[in-house]
């Protein structure tokens, strides 16, 4: 990116690259006087100046200074630490280091020769990345989010949900573009169109200087790192083979797109010779079931014909606990805050309420203000319905906020909201019990994985989906759902840290299953 800036400076007469920050010593955090000094330096630069420095996000408002245009890049976190490991051992870096400090102690030869594989496997402190640590035995820039979080003490603990949420808020609010050199063309296209003042002609400049830019800071010594791709195969990642009977159990979460998948399976059933059982679909949803009720559900599924699909809003059930064979488990997940917004307007849906009051004509009618109240106002006013209190067990209003509960199960440990323990239990269930946990946000990837990992039920899924795509996208859609302000989303998001951790875990697993299917194709692109 630096080489690109140099090229753009030559190309645009009205742009200037300020090199002061390139020679500034990198520090993990700055105190307030130093932050002020940096902010004032940048604010005093002439219009059209590009400033670059290894520095955390600065809050210019803190010093009553105008904000600049922020940009940055991100990279796969593991690839970053591998790159840093070998960069720290680079000949050029060490030549500069010992030229500046000739009296410092020379590191042993074994340090220079030790590879990353051995460093990790031997438990070397340099290659240990312990969650929530504040001090590091060796500097390694492992906190990518720190550059976006800022200089607050809460930003320092490694892999901290709080630090990551703060970083996300700053990206959402202050950064014009956060790109990735892993997707160079996409990043340059966005920069060129979103910040034309500085990046007009960026793609052309990149093509003209491609060799120089590509080789900038490239570590040719970086050896092969074991990716353990031998295990990255559909066979190793597929729990379908662990099922002990030919039944599919869709223990569906609320407000994740399950209605669409359910209707889609009704279209698939005649083609793939299975039957969707509707008994569970019409049952009243309960947060948890007693052992006897769980056993009844498990027994009902067991007694279905082979090739049956059972669907219900219900947490995962351990069939083996009731001496019954396990079915094939599937489910969907969705962005936690989007689920809450969707649920909020779903319960105010006119059709849903018409059905409710038709079935319960003596039920008290909610006031007009309740139906008209927006989610923005509900959150900002501190309405109990829109409060998501961490570790709470009792809820003022039912809202299905515990997405992880559908995977964790019926243990009391699963009930506290946004609980680290409940989320870890849910992750374990996903890893060991669920064949596929998809997301309707990535419909194509989800259908691809379902089609290949559970062909008994989802063969030809992608082809059939396109035939019914329009009707499925409109299934259970809430046309009344208005715009929710970004600051409201951010307020809510702070209380869903562990739920987001679970959500991203499920998506990562889905992507891994997908990559395993496309491995040969992807390897062909990398090594043609």
Foldseek 3Di string as FASTA:
>chain_A
DVVLLVLLCVVDVLAEEDCPQVPDDDDLADDPVVLVVVLVVVLPDDPRYDYDHNAADHDNVVVPGDDDADEEEDDDLVVQQQLQQLLVLDPVVVVVVCVVVVPDDDDDPCSSVDHLQCCVVVVPQSNDQDFQDQDGPDDRPSQPLRNQLHRDPQLRGHPDLLSNLSSVVSCVPRHQYYYYVVCVVVRLVSCCVSPVSRRPCSVVSCVVCVVVVVCVSDDPVSDDDDPVCVCLALVNQFCQVQFDAQEEEELEAPQQLVLLVLVLLVVQCVVLVAEEDCPQVPDDDDLADDPVVLQVVLVVRQPDDHRYYYYHNAADGDSVVVVGTGYAYEYEDDDLLVLQLLQQLLVLFPVVVVVVCVVVVPDDDDDPCSSPPHLQCCLVVVPQSLDQAFQDQDGPDDRSSQRLSNQLHRDPVLRGALDLVSLVSSLVSCRNHHRAYYGVVCVVLRLVLCCVSPVSRRPVVVVSCVVCVVVSVCRSDDPVRDDHDPVSSSVSVSSNSSVVVSVVSRVVSSVSSSCSVCVVVVVVVVPD
